[in-house]
PDB file of N, CA and C in Angstrom:
ATOM      1  N   MET A   1      78.964-104.347 156.830  1.00  0.00           N
ATOM      2  CA  MET A   1      77.709-103.843 156.039  1.00  0.00           C
ATOM      3  C   MET A   1      77.085-104.438 154.589  1.00  0.00           C
ATOM      4  N   LYS A   2      76.188-104.595 154.671  1.00  0.00           N
ATOM      5  CA  LYS A   2      75.645-105.070 153.544  1.00  0.00           C
ATOM      6  C   LYS A   2      76.226-104.594 152.207  1.00  0.00           C
ATOM      7  N   MET A   3      76.625-105.583 150.960  1.00  0.00           N
ATOM      8  CA  MET A   3      77.055-105.599 149.990  1.00  0.00           C
ATOM      9  C   MET A   3      76.213-106.218 148.770  1.00  0.00           C
ATOM     10  N   TYR A   4      76.002-105.226 147.637  1.00  0.00           N
ATOM     11  CA  TYR A   4      74.890-106.059 146.455  1.00  0.00           C
ATOM     12  C   TYR A   4      75.838-106.518 145.364  1.00  0.00           C
ATOM     13  N   LYS A   5      75.207-107.452 144.788  1.00  0.00           N
ATOM     14  CA  LYS A   5      76.046-107.922 143.980  1.00  0.00           C
ATOM     15  C   LYS A   5      76.628-107.124 142.392  1.00  0.00           C
ATOM     16  N   CYS A   6      77.642-106.975 141.587  1.00  0.00           N
ATOM     17  CA  CYS A   6      77.324-106.601 140.093  1.00  0.00           C
ATOM     18  C   CYS A   6      77.060-107.013 139.615  1.00  0.00           C
ATOM     19  N   PRO A   7      76.198-106.687 138.485  1.00  0.00           N
ATOM     20  CA  PRO A   7      75.604-107.309 137.540  1.00  0.00           C
ATOM     21  C   PRO A   7      76.979-108.030 136.551  1.00  0.00           C
ATOM     22  N   HIS A   8      77.913-108.010 136.252  1.00  0.00           N
ATOM     23  CA  HIS A   8      78.705-108.281 135.234  1.00  0.00           C
ATOM     24  C   HIS A   8      79.674-109.643 135.967  1.00  0.00           C
ATOM     25  N   CYS A   9      80.497-108.954 136.885  1.00  0.00           N
ATOM     26  CA  CYS A   9      81.069-110.058 137.953  1.00  0.00           C
ATOM     27  C   CYS A   9      80.412-111.042 138.767  1.00  0.00           C
ATOM     28  N   GLY A  10      79.296-110.359 139.290  1.00  0.00           N
ATOM     29  CA  GLY A  10      78.812-111.587 140.247  1.00  0.00           C
ATOM     30  C   GLY A  10      79.490-111.735 141.528  1.00  0.00           C
ATOM     31  N   LYS A  11      80.573-110.334 142.125  1.00  0.00           N
ATOM     32  CA  LYS A  11      80.738-110.069 143.262  1.00  0.00           C
ATOM     33  C   LYS A  11      80.488-109.297 143.739  1.00  0.00           C
ATOM     34  N   ASP A  12      80.175-108.886 145.309  1.00  0.00           N
ATOM     35  CA  ASP A  12      79.905-108.205 145.998  1.00  0.00           C
ATOM     36  C   ASP A  12      80.829-107.473 146.338  1.00  0.00           C
ATOM     37  N   SER A  13      80.514-106.262 145.081  1.00  0.00           N
ATOM     38  CA  SER A  13      80.630-105.009 145.094  1.00  0.00           C
ATOM     39  C   SER A  13      79.487-103.856 145.464  1.00  0.00           C
ATOM     40  N   ILE A  14      79.037-103.747 145.097  1.00  0.00           N
ATOM     41  CA  ILE A  14      78.246-102.557 145.728  1.00  0.00           C
ATOM     42  C   ILE A  14      77.304-102.046 146.918  1.00  0.00           C
ATOM     43  N   SER A  15      77.861-101.319 147.057  1.00  0.00           N
ATOM     44  CA  SER A  15      77.688-100.787 148.703  1.00  0.00           C
ATOM     45  C   SER A  15      76.864-100.288 149.110  1.00  0.00           C
ATOM     46  N   ILE A  16      75.907-100.181 149.950  1.00  0.00           N
ATOM     47  CA  ILE A  16      74.366-100.245 150.282  1.00  0.00           C
ATOM     48  C   ILE A  16      74.062 -98.543 149.872  1.00  0.00           C
ATOM     49  N   ILE A  17      74.791 -98.014 150.315  1.00  0.00           N
ATOM     50  CA  ILE A  17      75.117 -96.261 149.866  1.00  0.00           C
ATOM     51  C   ILE A  17      75.145 -95.877 148.110  1.00  0.00           C
ATOM     52  N   LYS A  18      76.155 -96.637 148.208  1.00  0.00           N
ATOM     53  CA  LYS A  18      75.790 -96.064 146.237  1.00  0.00           C
ATOM     54  C   LYS A  18      74.834 -96.867 145.306  1.00  0.00           C
ATOM     55  N   LYS A  19      74.233 -98.250 145.826  1.00  0.00           N
ATOM     56  CA  LYS A  19      73.141 -98.383 145.503  1.00  0.00           C
ATOM     57  C   LYS A  19      71.635 -97.395 145.652  1.00  0.00           C
ATOM     58  N   ALA A  20      71.509 -96.848 147.173  1.00  0.00           N
ATOM     59  CA  ALA A  20      70.976 -96.103 147.339  1.00  0.00           C
ATOM     60  C   ALA A  20      70.947 -94.578 146.701  1.00  0.00           C
ATOM     61  N   MET A  21      72.008 -94.141 146.232  1.00  0.00           N
ATOM     62  CA  MET A  21      72.156 -93.109 145.764  1.00  0.00           C
ATOM     63  C   MET A  21      72.178 -93.074 144.063  1.00  0.00           C
ATOM     64  N   LEU A  22      71.904 -94.344 143.442  1.00  0.00           N
ATOM     65  CA  LEU A  22      71.842 -95.180 142.079  1.00  0.00           C
ATOM     66  C   LEU A  22      70.418 -94.017 141.761  1.00  0.00           C
ATOM     67  N   ASP A  23      71.278 -93.378 140.253  1.00  0.00           N
ATOM     68  CA  ASP A  23      70.515 -92.888 139.234  1.00  0.00           C
ATOM     69  C   ASP A  23      70.334 -93.005 137.845  1.00  0.00           C
ATOM     70  N   VAL A  24      69.297 -93.122 136.898  1.00  0.00           N
ATOM     71  CA  VAL A  24      69.315 -92.766 135.744  1.00  0.00           C
ATOM     72  C   VAL A  24      71.030 -92.144 135.026  1.00  0.00           C
ATOM     73  N   ARG A  25      70.491 -90.860 134.903  1.00  0.00           N
ATOM     74  CA  ARG A  25      71.928 -89.811 134.053  1.00  0.00           C
ATOM     75  C   ARG A  25      72.995 -90.197 134.721  1.00  0.00           C
ATOM     76  N   TYR A  26      73.704 -91.256 135.820  1.00  0.00           N
ATOM     77  CA  TYR A  26      74.902 -91.155 136.134  1.00  0.00           C
ATOM     78  C   TYR A  26      75.136 -93.132 136.022  1.00  0.00           C
ATOM     79  N   LYS A  27      76.033 -93.353 135.461  1.00  0.00           N
ATOM     80  CA  LYS A  27      76.475 -95.054 135.356  1.00  0.00           C
ATOM     81  C   LYS A  27      77.654 -94.735 136.482  1.00  0.00           C
ATOM     82  N   SER A  28      77.212 -95.812 137.638  1.00  0.00           N
ATOM     83  CA  SER A  28      78.764 -96.072 138.523  1.00  0.00           C
ATOM     84  C   SER A  28      79.420 -97.554 137.740  1.00  0.00           C
ATOM     85  N   LYS A  29      80.924 -97.617 138.249  1.00  0.00           N
ATOM     86  CA  LYS A  29      81.774 -97.891 137.841  1.00  0.00           C
ATOM     87  C   LYS A  29      81.731 -99.419 139.125  1.00  0.00           C
ATOM     88  N   CYS A  30      81.993-100.600 138.650  1.00  0.00           N
ATOM     89  CA  CYS A  30      82.081-102.168 139.847  1.00  0.00           C
ATOM     90  C   CYS A  30      83.505-101.790 140.134  1.00  0.00           C
ATOM     91  N   SER A  31      84.104-101.861 141.502  1.00  0.00           N
ATOM     92  CA  SER A  31      85.296-101.633 141.764  1.00  0.00           C
ATOM     93  C   SER A  31      86.087-102.825 141.943  1.00  0.00           C
ATOM     94  N   ASN A  32      85.225-104.060 141.639  1.00  0.00           N
ATOM     95  CA  ASN A  32      86.259-104.912 141.199  1.00  0.00           C
ATOM     96  C   ASN A  32      86.545-105.719 139.314  1.00  0.00           C
ATOM     97  N   CYS A  33      84.961-105.334 138.871  1.00  0.00           N
ATOM     98  CA  CYS A  33      85.748-105.219 136.877  1.00  0.00           C
ATOM     99  C   CYS A  33      86.023-104.234 136.736  1.00  0.00           C
ATOM    100  N   GLY A  34      85.244-103.111 137.058  1.00  0.00           N
ATOM    101  CA  GLY A  34      85.373-101.499 136.300  1.00  0.00           C
ATOM    102  C   GLY A  34      84.242-101.990 135.192  1.00  0.00           C
ATOM    103  N   GLU A  35      83.360-102.750 135.129  1.00  0.00           N
ATOM    104  CA  GLU A  35      82.163-102.236 134.131  1.00  0.00           C
ATOM    105  C   GLU A  35      81.389-101.358 135.340  1.00  0.00           C
ATOM    106  N   LYS A  36      80.632-101.138 133.935  1.00  0.00           N
ATOM    107  CA  LYS A  36      79.730 -99.607 134.021  1.00  0.00           C
ATOM    108  C   LYS A  36      78.114-100.494 134.568  1.00  0.00           C
ATOM    109  N   TYR A  37      77.240 -99.810 135.806  1.00  0.00           N
ATOM    110  CA  TYR A  37      76.340-100.285 136.213  1.00  0.00           C
ATOM    111  C   TYR A  37      75.482 -98.962 136.635  1.00  0.00           C
ATOM    112  N   GLY A  38      73.993 -99.336 136.702  1.00  0.00           N
ATOM    113  CA  GLY A  38      73.133 -98.457 137.129  1.00  0.00           C
ATOM    114  C   GLY A  38      71.797 -98.886 137.204  1.00  0.00           C
ATOM    115  N   PRO A  39      70.201 -97.896 137.249  1.00  0.00           N
ATOM    116  CA  PRO A  39      69.165 -98.600 137.251  1.00  0.00           C
ATOM    117  C   PRO A  39      68.650 -98.534 136.230  1.00  0.00           C
ATOM    118  N   PRO A  40      67.140 -99.184 136.073  1.00  0.00           N
ATOM    119  CA  PRO A  40      66.463 -99.609 134.986  1.00  0.00           C
ATOM    120  C   PRO A  40      66.244 -97.883 134.382  1.00  0.00           C
ATOM    121  N   SER A  41      65.850 -97.730 133.125  1.00  0.00           N
ATOM    122  CA  SER A  41      65.444 -96.396 132.828  1.00  0.00           C
ATOM    123  C   SER A  41      64.024 -95.741 133.046  1.00  0.00           C
ATOM    124  N   TYR A  42      63.506 -97.168 133.783  1.00  0.00           N
ATOM    125  CA  TYR A  42      62.086 -96.900 134.079  1.00  0.00           C
ATOM    126  C   TYR A  42      61.804 -95.705 135.684  1.00  0.00           C
ATOM    127  N   THR A  43      63.196 -96.300 136.281  1.00  0.00           N
ATOM    128  CA  THR A  43      63.333 -95.148 137.663  1.00  0.00           C
ATOM    129  C   THR A  43      63.251 -93.633 137.064  1.00  0.00           C
ATOM    130  N   SER A  44      63.500 -93.200 135.892  1.00  0.00           N
ATOM    131  CA  SER A  44      63.198 -91.621 135.736  1.00  0.00           C
ATOM    132  C   SER A  44      61.791 -91.601 135.843  1.00  0.00           C
ATOM    133  N   LEU A  45      61.213 -92.154 135.274  1.00  0.00           N
ATOM    134  CA  LEU A  45      59.606 -91.778 135.311  1.00  0.00           C
ATOM    135  C   LEU A  45      59.002 -91.440 137.372  1.00  0.00           C
ATOM    136  N   ILE A  46      59.654 -92.779 138.031  1.00  0.00           N
ATOM    137  CA  ILE A  46      59.591 -92.513 139.445  1.00  0.00           C
ATOM    138  C   ILE A  46      60.232 -90.855 140.123  1.00  0.00           C
ATOM    139  N   ASP A  47      61.612 -90.984 139.258  1.00  0.00           N
ATOM    140  CA  ASP A  47      61.695 -89.598 139.613  1.00  0.00           C
ATOM    141  C   ASP A  47      61.238 -88.140 139.007  1.00  0.00           C
ATOM    142  N   ILE A  48      60.083 -88.488 138.217  1.00  0.00           N
ATOM    143  CA  ILE A  48      59.595 -87.303 137.776  1.00  0.00           C
ATOM    144  C   ILE A  48      58.372 -87.320 138.810  1.00  0.00           C
ATOM    145  N   LEU A  49      57.921 -88.043 139.648  1.00  0.00           N
ATOM    146  CA  LEU A  49      57.561 -88.152 140.596  1.00  0.00           C
ATOM    147  C   LEU A  49      57.740 -87.432 141.588  1.00  0.00           C
ATOM    148  N   TYR A  50      58.473 -87.768 142.560  1.00  0.00           N
ATOM    149  CA  TYR A  50      59.522 -87.281 143.312  1.00  0.00           C
ATOM    150  C   TYR A  50      59.779 -85.990 143.019  1.00  0.00           C
ATOM    151  N   ALA A  51      59.915 -85.447 141.845  1.00  0.00           N
ATOM    152  CA  ALA A  51      60.356 -83.737 140.867  1.00  0.00           C
ATOM    153  C   ALA A  51      58.649 -83.033 141.728  1.00  0.00           C
ATOM    154  N   ILE A  52      57.304 -83.332 141.497  1.00  0.00           N
ATOM    155  CA  ILE A  52      55.951 -83.282 141.100  1.00  0.00           C
ATOM    156  C   ILE A  52      56.149 -82.783 142.778  1.00  0.00           C
ATOM    157  N   THR A  53      56.034 -84.207 143.517  1.00  0.00           N
ATOM    158  CA  THR A  53      55.874 -84.207 144.928  1.00  0.00           C
ATOM    159  C   THR A  53      56.909 -82.782 145.603  1.00  0.00           C
ATOM    160  N   TYR A  54      57.819 -82.946 145.657  1.00  0.00           N
ATOM    161  CA  TYR A  54      58.847 -81.577 145.759  1.00  0.00           C
ATOM    162  C   TYR A  54      58.180 -80.212 145.544  1.00  0.00           C
ATOM    163  N   TYR A  55      57.413 -80.175 144.430  1.00  0.00           N
ATOM    164  CA  TYR A  55      57.415 -79.052 143.659  1.00  0.00           C
ATOM    165  C   TYR A  55      55.954 -78.431 144.920  1.00  0.00           C
ATOM    166  N   PHE A  56      55.084 -79.507 144.857  1.00  0.00           N
ATOM    167  CA  PHE A  56      54.008 -79.527 145.758  1.00  0.00           C
ATOM    168  C   PHE A  56      54.315 -79.279 146.841  1.00  0.00           C
ATOM    169  N   VAL A  57      55.049 -79.715 147.575  1.00  0.00           N
ATOM    170  CA  VAL A  57      55.536 -79.689 149.098  1.00  0.00           C
ATOM    171  C   VAL A  57      56.345 -77.798 149.196  1.00  0.00           C
ATOM    172  N   LEU A  58      56.995 -77.400 148.074  1.00  0.00           N
ATOM    173  CA  LEU A  58      57.551 -76.425 148.713  1.00  0.00           C
ATOM    174  C   LEU A  58      56.573 -74.765 147.876  1.00  0.00           C
ATOM    175  N   THR A  59      55.420 -75.534 147.376  1.00  0.00           N
ATOM    176  CA  THR A  59      54.851 -74.302 147.024  1.00  0.00           C
ATOM    177  C   THR A  59      53.555 -74.201 148.075  1.00  0.00           C
ATOM    178  N   ALA A  60      53.591 -75.144 149.025  1.00  0.00           N
ATOM    179  CA  ALA A  60      52.566 -74.948 149.838  1.00  0.00           C
ATOM    180  C   ALA A  60      52.729 -74.345 150.735  1.00  0.00           C
ATOM    181  N   SER A  61      51.547 -74.184 151.629  1.00  0.00           N
ATOM    182  CA  SER A  61      51.569 -72.749 152.914  1.00  0.00           C
ATOM    183  C   SER A  61      51.899 -73.135 153.644  1.00  0.00           C
ATOM    184  N   PHE A  62      52.727 -74.158 154.150  1.00  0.00           N
ATOM    185  CA  PHE A  62      53.436 -75.018 155.079  1.00  0.00           C
ATOM    186  C   PHE A  62      54.192 -74.115 155.666  1.00  0.00           C
ATOM    187  N   GLU A  63      54.661 -74.330 156.970  1.00  0.00           N
ATOM    188  CA  GLU A  63      55.799 -73.942 158.103  1.00  0.00           C
ATOM    189  C   GLU A  63      57.188 -74.160 157.201  1.00  0.00           C
ATOM    190  N   ILE A  64      57.933 -73.585 157.451  1.00  0.00           N
ATOM    191  CA  ILE A  64      59.736 -74.114 156.899  1.00  0.00           C
ATOM    192  C   ILE A  64      60.104 -75.169 157.965  1.00  0.00           C
ATOM    193  N   LEU A  65      59.440 -75.424 158.945  1.00  0.00           N
ATOM    194  CA  LEU A  65      59.595 -76.768 159.206  1.00  0.00           C
ATOM    195  C   LEU A  65      59.178 -77.816 159.036  1.00  0.00           C
ATOM    196  N   ILE A  66      57.889 -77.881 158.836  1.00  0.00           N
ATOM    197  CA  ILE A  66      56.695 -78.828 158.108  1.00  0.00           C
ATOM    198  C   ILE A  66      57.354 -78.871 157.188  1.00  0.00           C
ATOM    199  N   LYS A  67      57.620 -78.430 156.281  1.00  0.00           N
ATOM    200  CA  LYS A  67      58.392 -78.315 154.294  1.00  0.00           C
ATOM    201  C   LYS A  67      59.878 -79.012 154.980  1.00  0.00           C
ATOM    202  N   THR A  68      60.710 -78.606 155.324  1.00  0.00           N
ATOM    203  CA  THR A  68      62.029 -79.261 155.926  1.00  0.00           C
ATOM    204  C   THR A  68      61.777 -80.740 156.107  1.00  0.00           C
ATOM    205  N   MET A  69      60.803 -80.744 157.052  1.00  0.00           N
ATOM    206  CA  MET A  69      60.367 -82.436 157.322  1.00  0.00           C
ATOM    207  C   MET A  69      59.806 -83.282 156.587  1.00  0.00           C
ATOM    208  N   ILE A  70      59.052 -82.877 155.396  1.00  0.00           N
ATOM    209  CA  ILE A  70      58.548 -83.581 154.551  1.00  0.00           C
ATOM    210  C   ILE A  70      59.469 -83.430 153.587  1.00  0.00           C
ATOM    211  N   VAL A  71      60.707 -82.957 153.363  1.00  0.00           N
ATOM    212  CA  VAL A  71      61.126 -82.984 152.230  1.00  0.00           C
ATOM    213  C   VAL A  71      62.651 -84.412 152.500  1.00  0.00           C
ATOM    214  N   ILE A  72      62.785 -84.029 153.891  1.00  0.00           N
ATOM    215  CA  ILE A  72      63.561 -85.301 154.231  1.00  0.00           C
ATOM    216  C   ILE A  72      62.724 -86.760 154.349  1.00  0.00           C
ATOM    217  N   LEU A  73      61.529 -86.706 154.833  1.00  0.00           N
ATOM    218  CA  LEU A  73      60.855 -88.144 154.951  1.00  0.00           C
ATOM    219  C   LEU A  73      61.017 -88.135 153.257  1.00  0.00           C
ATOM    220  N   ILE A  74      61.108 -87.746 151.667  1.00  0.00           N
ATOM    221  CA  ILE A  74      60.939 -88.074 151.096  1.00  0.00           C
ATOM    222  C   ILE A  74      62.410 -88.387 150.036  1.00  0.00           C
ATOM    223  N   LEU A  75      63.283 -87.908 150.960  1.00  0.00           N
ATOM    224  CA  LEU A  75      64.733 -88.236 150.702  1.00  0.00           C
ATOM    225  C   LEU A  75      64.820 -89.761 150.982  1.00  0.00           C
ATOM    226  N   LEU A  76      64.216 -89.795 152.037  1.00  0.00           N
ATOM    227  CA  LEU A  76      64.426 -91.170 153.000  1.00  0.00           C
ATOM    228  C   LEU A  76      63.913 -92.324 152.080  1.00  0.00           C
ATOM    229  N   MET A  77      62.392 -91.937 151.818  1.00  0.00           N
ATOM    230  CA  MET A  77      61.372 -92.782 151.142  1.00  0.00           C
ATOM    231  C   MET A  77      62.091 -93.187 149.725  1.00  0.00           C
ATOM    232  N   HIS A  78      63.300 -92.416 148.928  1.00  0.00           N
ATOM    233  CA  HIS A  78      63.738 -92.327 147.732  1.00  0.00           C
ATOM    234  C   HIS A  78      64.964 -93.486 148.153  1.00  0.00           C
ATOM    235  N   PHE A  79      65.555 -93.006 148.999  1.00  0.00           N
ATOM    236  CA  PHE A  79      67.039 -93.670 149.075  1.00  0.00           C
ATOM    237  C   PHE A  79      66.012 -95.512 149.650  1.00  0.00           C
ATOM    238  N   THR A  80      65.073 -95.701 150.188  1.00  0.00           N
ATOM    239  CA  THR A  80      64.337 -96.889 150.921  1.00  0.00           C
ATOM    240  C   THR A  80      64.194 -97.460 149.906  1.00  0.00           C
ATOM    241  N   ILE A  81      63.492 -96.807 149.156  1.00  0.00           N
ATOM    242  CA  ILE A  81      63.263 -97.593 147.124  1.00  0.00           C
ATOM    243  C   ILE A  81      64.045 -98.363 146.513  1.00  0.00           C
ATOM    244  N   ASN A  82      65.303 -97.398 146.214  1.00  0.00           N
ATOM    245  CA  ASN A  82      66.571 -97.463 145.483  1.00  0.00           C
ATOM    246  C   ASN A  82      66.921 -98.701 146.851  1.00  0.00           C
ATOM    247  N   ILE A  83      67.201 -99.032 147.734  1.00  0.00           N
ATOM    248  CA  ILE A  83      67.430 -99.812 148.381  1.00  0.00           C
ATOM    249  C   ILE A  83      66.971-101.650 148.290  1.00  0.00           C
ATOM    250  N   LEU A  84      65.520-101.173 148.614  1.00  0.00           N
ATOM    251  CA  LEU A  84      64.802-102.557 148.174  1.00  0.00           C
ATOM    252  C   LEU A  84      64.073-103.064 147.163  1.00  0.00           C
ATOM    253  N   PHE A  85      63.926-102.037 146.204  1.00  0.00           N
ATOM    254  CA  PHE A  85      62.958-102.775 145.231  1.00  0.00           C
ATOM    255  C   PHE A  85      63.584-102.234 143.608  1.00  0.00           C
ATOM    256  N   ILE A  86      64.659-101.370 143.192  1.00  0.00           N
ATOM    257  CA  ILE A  86      65.433-101.033 142.343  1.00  0.00           C
ATOM    258  C   ILE A  86      66.078-102.198 142.301  1.00  0.00           C
ATOM    259  N   PRO A  87      66.566-102.835 141.113  1.00  0.00           N
ATOM    260  CA  PRO A  87      67.449-103.981 140.909  1.00  0.00           C
ATOM    261  C   PRO A  87      68.647-102.594 139.934  1.00  0.00           C
ATOM    262  N   VAL A  88      69.778-103.647 140.180  1.00  0.00           N
ATOM    263  CA  VAL A  88      71.063-103.118 139.399  1.00  0.00           C
ATOM    264  C   VAL A  88      71.140-103.383 138.130  1.00  0.00           C
ATOM    265  N   MET A  89      71.488-102.448 136.884  1.00  0.00           N
ATOM    266  CA  MET A  89      71.296-104.074 136.088  1.00  0.00           C
ATOM    267  C   MET A  89      73.085-103.257 134.890  1.00  0.00           C
ATOM    268  N   LYS A  90      73.384-104.131 134.015  1.00  0.00           N
ATOM    269  CA  LYS A  90      74.373-103.552 132.962  1.00  0.00           C
ATOM    270  C   LYS A  90      74.104-102.509 132.337  1.00  0.00           C
ATOM    271  N   LYS A  91      75.346-101.559 132.385  1.00  0.00           N
ATOM    272  CA  LYS A  91      74.666-100.767 131.505  1.00  0.00           C
ATOM    273  C   LYS A  91      75.791-100.364 130.290  1.00  0.00           C
TER     274      LYS A  91
END
């Protein structure tokens, strides 16, 4: 499985799952050096856009199956954007 480099020690110690789940509110620790890392603070603006999208999807008059599929697609998009475009920074 692909690993990402810790911004402190430079070792491949961040798994793809940890990178996908990065959140501004929580800091993760490197399994190699123990230092904290996380996404940049501007990603909270992206999270606000996700929250607005969730609100409109959940209050819309779609069938429950359609709402569920849209929410799952938004979650997959969120994880994909975290993996491909959001850098890991020192905290």
